[in-house]
Amino acid sequence: MELNLEEVEVLVITKNNGEESIQVSFNDSLMKDLIVNTKPHISVVWGKLRDI
């Protein structure tokens, strides 16, 4: 997967009890944080707060 992100405000990498994730926060108030869980399973959570 290739993903180009703009308006990134904060990037946080978390490792805790065998779980690892990357959380990306944006300057755009309509965007939810992008959360990519990498361990123990790969999953992605993302979207927007409301319809424009």
N, C-alpha and C. Protein backbone atom coordinates (compact mmCIF):
# COMPACT_ATOMS: atom_id res chain seq x y z
N MET A 1 0.85 -1.17 0.00
CA MET A 1 0.00 0.00 0.00
C MET A 1 0.90 1.23 0.00
N GLU A 2 0.56 2.19 -0.80
CA GLU A 2 1.25 3.48 -0.79
C GLU A 2 0.24 4.53 -0.41
N LEU A 3 0.61 5.37 0.55
CA LEU A 3 -0.31 6.37 1.07
C LEU A 3 0.46 7.68 1.24
N ASN A 4 0.01 8.72 0.57
CA ASN A 4 0.62 10.05 0.70
C ASN A 4 -0.29 10.90 1.57
N LEU A 5 0.21 11.35 2.70
CA LEU A 5 -0.60 12.11 3.64
C LEU A 5 -0.18 13.57 3.66
N GLU A 6 -1.17 14.46 3.74
CA GLU A 6 -0.92 15.89 3.83
C GLU A 6 -1.58 16.42 5.09
N GLU A 7 -1.14 17.58 5.52
CA GLU A 7 -1.71 18.23 6.71
C GLU A 7 -1.53 17.41 7.98
N VAL A 8 -0.43 16.64 8.06
CA VAL A 8 -0.14 15.84 9.25
C VAL A 8 0.33 16.77 10.36
N GLU A 9 -0.30 16.65 11.52
CA GLU A 9 0.06 17.47 12.67
C GLU A 9 0.93 16.69 13.66
N VAL A 10 0.55 15.44 13.94
CA VAL A 10 1.25 14.63 14.93
C VAL A 10 1.32 13.19 14.45
N LEU A 11 2.46 12.55 14.69
CA LEU A 11 2.65 11.13 14.39
C LEU A 11 3.15 10.46 15.67
N VAL A 12 2.40 9.43 16.14
CA VAL A 12 2.76 8.76 17.38
C VAL A 12 2.90 7.27 17.11
N ILE A 13 4.02 6.69 17.52
CA ILE A 13 4.23 5.24 17.42
C ILE A 13 4.15 4.69 18.83
N THR A 14 3.31 3.67 19.03
CA THR A 14 3.08 3.10 20.35
C THR A 14 3.42 1.61 20.35
N LYS A 15 4.16 1.18 21.36
CA LYS A 15 4.45 -0.25 21.58
C LYS A 15 4.06 -0.55 23.02
N ASN A 16 3.13 -1.53 23.20
CA ASN A 16 2.65 -1.82 24.55
C ASN A 16 2.13 -3.25 24.62
N ASN A 17 2.71 -4.06 25.49
CA ASN A 17 2.24 -5.44 25.73
C ASN A 17 2.07 -6.25 24.45
N GLY A 18 3.04 -6.20 23.56
CA GLY A 18 2.98 -6.99 22.34
C GLY A 18 2.14 -6.38 21.23
N GLU A 19 1.57 -5.20 21.46
CA GLU A 19 0.79 -4.51 20.44
C GLU A 19 1.59 -3.30 19.96
N GLU A 20 1.52 -3.03 18.66
CA GLU A 20 2.20 -1.87 18.09
C GLU A 20 1.24 -1.14 17.16
N SER A 21 1.29 0.19 17.19
CA SER A 21 0.42 0.97 16.31
C SER A 21 1.07 2.30 15.97
N ILE A 22 0.58 2.89 14.88
CA ILE A 22 0.98 4.22 14.44
C ILE A 22 -0.29 5.05 14.38
N GLN A 23 -0.28 6.21 15.03
CA GLN A 23 -1.44 7.09 15.01
C GLN A 23 -1.03 8.41 14.37
N VAL A 24 -1.79 8.83 13.35
CA VAL A 24 -1.51 10.07 12.63
C VAL A 24 -2.67 11.03 12.87
N SER A 25 -2.38 12.23 13.39
CA SER A 25 -3.39 13.26 13.58
C SER A 25 -3.18 14.35 12.53
N PHE A 26 -4.30 14.93 12.08
CA PHE A 26 -4.25 15.89 10.98
C PHE A 26 -4.66 17.29 11.43
N ASN A 27 -4.23 18.29 10.66
CA ASN A 27 -4.64 19.67 10.90
C ASN A 27 -6.09 19.91 10.50
N ASP A 28 -6.64 19.07 9.65
CA ASP A 28 -8.02 19.19 9.16
C ASP A 28 -8.99 18.69 10.23
N SER A 29 -9.85 19.57 10.73
CA SER A 29 -10.76 19.21 11.82
C SER A 29 -11.83 18.21 11.41
N LEU A 30 -12.02 17.99 10.11
CA LEU A 30 -13.02 17.02 9.65
C LEU A 30 -12.49 15.59 9.62
N MET A 31 -11.17 15.44 9.73
CA MET A 31 -10.57 14.12 9.61
C MET A 31 -10.35 13.47 10.98
N LYS A 32 -10.73 12.20 11.07
CA LYS A 32 -10.39 11.42 12.24
C LYS A 32 -8.92 11.04 12.15
N ASP A 33 -8.35 10.66 13.28
CA ASP A 33 -6.98 10.17 13.27
C ASP A 33 -6.90 8.88 12.46
N LEU A 34 -5.80 8.71 11.76
CA LEU A 34 -5.50 7.46 11.06
C LEU A 34 -4.75 6.58 12.05
N ILE A 35 -5.27 5.39 12.32
CA ILE A 35 -4.62 4.46 13.23
C ILE A 35 -4.32 3.17 12.48
N VAL A 36 -3.03 2.83 12.43
CA VAL A 36 -2.60 1.60 11.78
C VAL A 36 -2.03 0.69 12.87
N ASN A 37 -2.73 -0.38 13.17
CA ASN A 37 -2.24 -1.38 14.11
C ASN A 37 -1.37 -2.35 13.34
N THR A 38 -0.14 -2.57 13.82
CA THR A 38 0.79 -3.43 13.09
C THR A 38 1.06 -4.76 13.79
N LYS A 39 0.81 -4.83 15.10
CA LYS A 39 0.98 -6.08 15.84
C LYS A 39 -0.11 -6.17 16.89
N PRO A 40 -0.67 -7.26 17.20
CA PRO A 40 -0.37 -8.58 16.65
C PRO A 40 -1.03 -8.82 15.29
N HIS A 41 -2.01 -7.98 14.91
CA HIS A 41 -2.68 -8.11 13.61
C HIS A 41 -2.67 -6.75 12.92
N ILE A 42 -2.62 -6.75 11.62
CA ILE A 42 -2.65 -5.51 10.86
C ILE A 42 -4.09 -5.08 10.67
N SER A 43 -4.39 -3.83 11.03
CA SER A 43 -5.71 -3.26 10.77
C SER A 43 -5.56 -1.76 10.64
N VAL A 44 -6.55 -1.13 9.97
CA VAL A 44 -6.53 0.30 9.75
C VAL A 44 -7.88 0.87 10.16
N VAL A 45 -7.85 1.99 10.91
CA VAL A 45 -9.06 2.71 11.29
C VAL A 45 -8.89 4.14 10.80
N TRP A 46 -9.87 4.63 10.01
CA TRP A 46 -9.75 5.99 9.48
C TRP A 46 -11.09 6.42 8.94
N GLY A 47 -11.28 7.71 8.79
CA GLY A 47 -12.50 8.23 8.21
C GLY A 47 -12.59 9.73 8.43
N LYS A 48 -13.80 10.23 8.29
CA LYS A 48 -14.00 11.66 8.56
C LYS A 48 -15.08 11.79 9.62
N LEU A 49 -15.08 12.91 10.30
CA LEU A 49 -15.99 13.11 11.42
C LEU A 49 -17.43 13.27 10.98
N ARG A 50 -17.63 13.91 9.82
CA ARG A 50 -19.00 14.11 9.32
C ARG A 50 -18.96 14.32 7.81
N ASP A 51 -20.10 14.16 7.18
CA ASP A 51 -20.19 14.40 5.74
C ASP A 51 -20.07 15.90 5.46
N ILE A 52 -19.42 16.23 4.39
CA ILE A 52 -19.25 17.64 4.01
C ILE A 52 -20.45 18.07 3.21
